Amino acid sequence: PGWVQCHTPAADASGPVKAVMDAVFEEFKFQRLPAPVGIALAWCINLWGGVPWLDLGLVGFHRKPPMVDHEWADQLCEIPLAVSACPTAAVRPTKVEYNGN
């Protein structure tokens, strides 16, 4: 009957996705929609997550930049993936000095 996908390394998607699913869950559960419905939350409108060609595309963004824990940031596997996947190079890593490194 439909799907909800989330491709949002730069936005906290849990809140908006939960709100949307709470609103449409009964429609999916009882298949009351006229056709399969695609819903996506993305952080970039430039084709990230297929927003332009879905039935309902949501753009999520942080009101404030997220806090970065530099001690752990270089150990996360999602950061290189997010940087390489962004079509507009809007996500770029920042070089900072941490503990003399």
N, C-alpha and C. Protein backbone atom coordinates (compact mmCIF):
# COMPACT_ATOMS: atom_id res chain seq x y z
N PRO A 1 0.80 -1.21 0.00
CA PRO A 1 0.00 0.00 0.00
C PRO A 1 0.84 1.27 0.00
N GLY A 2 2.10 1.22 0.36
CA GLY A 2 2.92 2.43 0.39
C GLY A 2 4.16 2.22 1.20
N TRP A 3 4.96 3.24 1.33
CA TRP A 3 6.21 3.14 2.08
C TRP A 3 6.61 4.52 2.58
N VAL A 4 7.40 4.53 3.60
CA VAL A 4 8.02 5.75 4.11
C VAL A 4 9.50 5.49 4.15
N GLN A 5 10.27 6.34 3.52
CA GLN A 5 11.72 6.16 3.54
C GLN A 5 12.35 7.41 4.13
N CYS A 6 13.55 7.25 4.62
CA CYS A 6 14.25 8.36 5.26
C CYS A 6 15.72 8.30 4.90
N HIS A 7 16.21 9.32 4.24
CA HIS A 7 17.62 9.44 3.88
C HIS A 7 18.11 10.75 4.47
N THR A 8 18.36 10.79 5.75
CA THR A 8 18.59 12.08 6.38
C THR A 8 19.78 12.09 7.31
N PRO A 9 20.99 11.99 6.82
CA PRO A 9 22.13 12.07 7.71
C PRO A 9 22.32 13.45 8.31
N ALA A 10 21.76 14.49 7.69
CA ALA A 10 21.98 15.84 8.19
C ALA A 10 20.77 16.39 8.94
N ALA A 11 19.73 15.63 9.09
CA ALA A 11 18.55 16.08 9.83
C ALA A 11 18.13 14.98 10.78
N ASP A 12 17.56 15.38 11.90
CA ASP A 12 17.05 14.39 12.84
C ASP A 12 15.64 14.02 12.40
N ALA A 13 15.52 12.88 11.77
CA ALA A 13 14.26 12.50 11.13
C ALA A 13 13.27 11.83 12.06
N SER A 14 13.68 11.40 13.23
CA SER A 14 12.80 10.57 14.05
C SER A 14 11.50 11.28 14.41
N GLY A 15 11.55 12.54 14.78
CA GLY A 15 10.34 13.28 15.16
C GLY A 15 9.37 13.47 14.01
N PRO A 16 9.82 14.06 12.88
CA PRO A 16 8.90 14.25 11.76
C PRO A 16 8.36 12.94 11.18
N VAL A 17 9.20 11.91 11.08
CA VAL A 17 8.74 10.63 10.55
C VAL A 17 7.69 10.03 11.47
N LYS A 18 7.90 10.09 12.78
CA LYS A 18 6.91 9.57 13.74
C LYS A 18 5.60 10.34 13.61
N ALA A 19 5.66 11.67 13.48
CA ALA A 19 4.44 12.48 13.37
C ALA A 19 3.66 12.13 12.10
N VAL A 20 4.37 11.96 10.98
CA VAL A 20 3.71 11.61 9.73
C VAL A 20 3.09 10.22 9.83
N MET A 21 3.83 9.26 10.36
CA MET A 21 3.29 7.90 10.46
C MET A 21 2.12 7.83 11.43
N ASP A 22 2.15 8.62 12.51
CA ASP A 22 1.00 8.65 13.40
C ASP A 22 -0.24 9.15 12.66
N ALA A 23 -0.04 10.12 11.76
CA ALA A 23 -1.17 10.70 11.03
C ALA A 23 -1.73 9.77 9.96
N VAL A 24 -0.87 8.97 9.32
CA VAL A 24 -1.33 8.16 8.18
C VAL A 24 -1.34 6.65 8.46
N PHE A 25 -1.02 6.24 9.67
CA PHE A 25 -0.92 4.81 9.96
C PHE A 25 -2.21 4.05 9.65
N GLU A 26 -3.33 4.58 10.06
CA GLU A 26 -4.61 3.89 9.82
C GLU A 26 -4.88 3.75 8.32
N GLU A 27 -4.47 4.74 7.53
CA GLU A 27 -4.68 4.66 6.08
C GLU A 27 -3.87 3.51 5.49
N PHE A 28 -2.62 3.36 5.95
CA PHE A 28 -1.79 2.25 5.48
C PHE A 28 -2.32 0.91 6.00
N LYS A 29 -2.69 0.89 7.27
CA LYS A 29 -3.13 -0.35 7.90
C LYS A 29 -4.36 -0.95 7.21
N PHE A 30 -5.32 -0.11 6.89
CA PHE A 30 -6.56 -0.59 6.28
C PHE A 30 -6.59 -0.39 4.77
N GLN A 31 -5.48 0.01 4.19
CA GLN A 31 -5.34 0.19 2.74
C GLN A 31 -6.47 1.03 2.16
N ARG A 32 -6.67 2.20 2.75
CA ARG A 32 -7.73 3.09 2.29
C ARG A 32 -7.25 4.11 1.27
N LEU A 33 -6.00 4.03 0.88
CA LEU A 33 -5.47 4.96 -0.12
C LEU A 33 -5.75 4.41 -1.51
N PRO A 34 -5.95 5.29 -2.51
CA PRO A 34 -6.31 4.82 -3.85
C PRO A 34 -5.19 4.08 -4.58
N ALA A 35 -3.95 4.27 -4.17
CA ALA A 35 -2.80 3.64 -4.84
C ALA A 35 -1.62 3.65 -3.88
N PRO A 36 -0.53 2.94 -4.21
CA PRO A 36 0.67 3.04 -3.37
C PRO A 36 1.12 4.49 -3.21
N VAL A 37 1.50 4.83 -2.01
CA VAL A 37 1.90 6.20 -1.69
C VAL A 37 3.35 6.21 -1.25
N GLY A 38 4.12 7.12 -1.80
CA GLY A 38 5.52 7.29 -1.39
C GLY A 38 5.67 8.55 -0.56
N ILE A 39 6.25 8.41 0.61
CA ILE A 39 6.50 9.53 1.52
C ILE A 39 7.97 9.49 1.89
N ALA A 40 8.65 10.63 1.81
CA ALA A 40 10.06 10.66 2.19
C ALA A 40 10.36 11.94 2.94
N LEU A 41 11.31 11.85 3.84
CA LEU A 41 11.84 13.01 4.53
C LEU A 41 13.29 13.14 4.12
N ALA A 42 13.67 14.28 3.63
CA ALA A 42 15.04 14.50 3.19
C ALA A 42 15.56 15.80 3.79
N TRP A 43 16.85 15.96 3.75
CA TRP A 43 17.45 17.20 4.26
C TRP A 43 17.88 18.08 3.12
N CYS A 44 17.78 17.62 1.89
CA CYS A 44 18.20 18.38 0.72
C CYS A 44 17.17 18.15 -0.38
N ILE A 45 16.59 19.20 -0.91
CA ILE A 45 15.55 19.07 -1.92
C ILE A 45 16.10 18.60 -3.26
N ASN A 46 17.41 18.64 -3.46
CA ASN A 46 18.03 18.30 -4.74
C ASN A 46 18.12 16.80 -4.96
N LEU A 47 16.99 16.16 -5.10
CA LEU A 47 16.89 14.74 -5.41
C LEU A 47 17.35 13.81 -4.30
N TRP A 48 17.68 14.32 -3.14
CA TRP A 48 18.14 13.47 -2.05
C TRP A 48 16.95 12.73 -1.48
N GLY A 49 16.94 11.43 -1.55
CA GLY A 49 15.84 10.63 -1.03
C GLY A 49 14.66 10.55 -1.97
N GLY A 50 14.80 11.04 -3.19
CA GLY A 50 13.71 10.95 -4.15
C GLY A 50 12.56 11.89 -3.87
N VAL A 51 12.79 12.97 -3.14
CA VAL A 51 11.71 13.88 -2.75
C VAL A 51 10.92 14.41 -3.95
N PRO A 52 11.54 14.83 -5.05
CA PRO A 52 10.76 15.45 -6.14
C PRO A 52 9.75 14.52 -6.80
N TRP A 53 9.96 13.22 -6.80
CA TRP A 53 9.02 12.36 -7.52
C TRP A 53 8.17 11.49 -6.59
N LEU A 54 8.12 11.80 -5.33
CA LEU A 54 7.25 11.07 -4.42
C LEU A 54 5.92 11.81 -4.27
N ASP A 55 4.95 11.13 -3.70
CA ASP A 55 3.64 11.74 -3.49
C ASP A 55 3.68 12.81 -2.40
N LEU A 56 4.47 12.56 -1.37
CA LEU A 56 4.61 13.53 -0.29
C LEU A 56 6.08 13.60 0.09
N GLY A 57 6.71 14.72 -0.19
CA GLY A 57 8.12 14.91 0.14
C GLY A 57 8.26 15.97 1.21
N LEU A 58 8.93 15.63 2.28
CA LEU A 58 9.15 16.55 3.39
C LEU A 58 10.62 16.91 3.45
N VAL A 59 10.91 18.18 3.69
CA VAL A 59 12.30 18.62 3.84
C VAL A 59 12.50 18.96 5.31
N GLY A 60 13.44 18.27 5.94
CA GLY A 60 13.73 18.52 7.35
C GLY A 60 15.09 19.16 7.50
N PHE A 61 15.23 20.03 8.46
CA PHE A 61 16.52 20.66 8.72
C PHE A 61 16.61 21.03 10.19
N HIS A 62 17.82 21.19 10.66
CA HIS A 62 18.03 21.59 12.05
C HIS A 62 17.78 23.08 12.20
N ARG A 63 17.14 23.47 13.30
CA ARG A 63 17.00 24.90 13.59
C ARG A 63 18.34 25.47 14.02
N LYS A 64 19.12 24.67 14.70
CA LYS A 64 20.47 25.05 15.12
C LYS A 64 21.41 23.96 14.64
N PRO A 65 22.65 24.31 14.35
CA PRO A 65 23.59 23.25 13.96
C PRO A 65 23.75 22.24 15.10
N PRO A 66 23.80 20.96 14.78
CA PRO A 66 23.97 19.96 15.84
C PRO A 66 25.34 20.07 16.49
N MET A 67 25.40 19.72 17.75
CA MET A 67 26.67 19.71 18.46
C MET A 67 27.52 18.56 17.94
N VAL A 68 28.79 18.81 17.73
CA VAL A 68 29.70 17.79 17.22
C VAL A 68 30.61 17.33 18.35
N ASP A 69 30.64 16.05 18.58
CA ASP A 69 31.56 15.46 19.55
C ASP A 69 32.81 15.05 18.78
N HIS A 70 33.80 15.91 18.75
CA HIS A 70 34.99 15.69 17.93
C HIS A 70 35.77 14.44 18.34
N GLU A 71 35.62 14.01 19.58
CA GLU A 71 36.32 12.82 20.03
C GLU A 71 35.83 11.58 19.27
N TRP A 72 34.55 11.56 18.92
CA TRP A 72 33.97 10.38 18.28
C TRP A 72 33.64 10.58 16.80
N ALA A 73 33.62 11.81 16.32
CA ALA A 73 33.15 12.09 14.96
C ALA A 73 33.97 11.37 13.89
N ASP A 74 35.28 11.29 14.07
CA ASP A 74 36.10 10.64 13.04
C ASP A 74 35.96 9.12 13.05
N GLN A 75 35.28 8.56 14.04
CA GLN A 75 35.10 7.11 14.11
C GLN A 75 33.75 6.64 13.56
N LEU A 76 32.93 7.58 13.12
CA LEU A 76 31.60 7.23 12.62
C LEU A 76 31.66 6.88 11.14
N CYS A 77 31.06 5.77 10.78
CA CYS A 77 31.11 5.34 9.38
C CYS A 77 30.14 6.12 8.50
N GLU A 78 29.13 6.78 9.07
CA GLU A 78 28.13 7.48 8.26
C GLU A 78 28.66 8.77 7.65
N ILE A 79 29.68 9.38 8.26
CA ILE A 79 30.14 10.68 7.77
C ILE A 79 30.70 10.61 6.36
N PRO A 80 31.61 9.69 6.02
CA PRO A 80 32.07 9.63 4.62
C PRO A 80 30.95 9.34 3.63
N LEU A 81 29.99 8.53 4.02
CA LEU A 81 28.86 8.22 3.15
C LEU A 81 28.03 9.47 2.89
N ALA A 82 27.75 10.24 3.93
CA ALA A 82 26.96 11.47 3.76
C ALA A 82 27.69 12.47 2.89
N VAL A 83 29.00 12.61 3.07
CA VAL A 83 29.78 13.56 2.27
C VAL A 83 29.79 13.13 0.81
N SER A 84 30.02 11.87 0.54
CA SER A 84 30.12 11.42 -0.85
C SER A 84 28.78 11.38 -1.55
N ALA A 85 27.69 11.24 -0.82
CA ALA A 85 26.37 11.10 -1.45
C ALA A 85 25.69 12.42 -1.73
N CYS A 86 26.13 13.51 -1.14
CA CYS A 86 25.45 14.80 -1.32
C CYS A 86 25.72 15.34 -2.73
N PRO A 87 24.67 15.53 -3.54
CA PRO A 87 24.88 15.96 -4.92
C PRO A 87 25.36 17.40 -5.06
N THR A 88 25.16 18.22 -4.05
CA THR A 88 25.55 19.63 -4.15
C THR A 88 26.76 19.96 -3.29
N ALA A 89 27.38 18.99 -2.69
CA ALA A 89 28.54 19.18 -1.80
C ALA A 89 28.21 20.12 -0.64
N ALA A 90 26.97 20.08 -0.19
CA ALA A 90 26.57 20.92 0.93
C ALA A 90 27.09 20.38 2.25
N VAL A 91 27.38 19.08 2.31
CA VAL A 91 27.93 18.47 3.51
C VAL A 91 29.43 18.33 3.31
N ARG A 92 30.19 19.06 4.11
CA ARG A 92 31.64 19.01 4.01
C ARG A 92 32.22 18.83 5.41
N PRO A 93 33.20 17.98 5.56
CA PRO A 93 33.81 17.82 6.89
C PRO A 93 34.61 19.05 7.27
N THR A 94 34.68 19.31 8.56
CA THR A 94 35.45 20.43 9.08
C THR A 94 36.69 19.90 9.77
N LYS A 95 37.81 20.53 9.53
CA LYS A 95 39.05 20.15 10.21
C LYS A 95 39.16 20.97 11.49
N VAL A 96 39.31 20.29 12.60
CA VAL A 96 39.49 20.96 13.88
C VAL A 96 40.66 20.31 14.61
N GLU A 97 41.26 21.06 15.51
CA GLU A 97 42.32 20.50 16.33
C GLU A 97 41.68 19.97 17.61
N TYR A 98 41.95 18.70 17.91
CA TYR A 98 41.40 18.08 19.10
C TYR A 98 42.52 17.36 19.82
N ASN A 99 42.79 17.75 21.05
CA ASN A 99 43.85 17.16 21.86
C ASN A 99 45.20 17.15 21.13
N GLY A 100 45.50 18.23 20.45
CA GLY A 100 46.79 18.35 19.77
C GLY A 100 46.87 17.64 18.44
N ASN A 101 45.82 17.02 18.00
CA ASN A 101 45.81 16.31 16.70
C ASN A 101 45.06 17.13 15.67
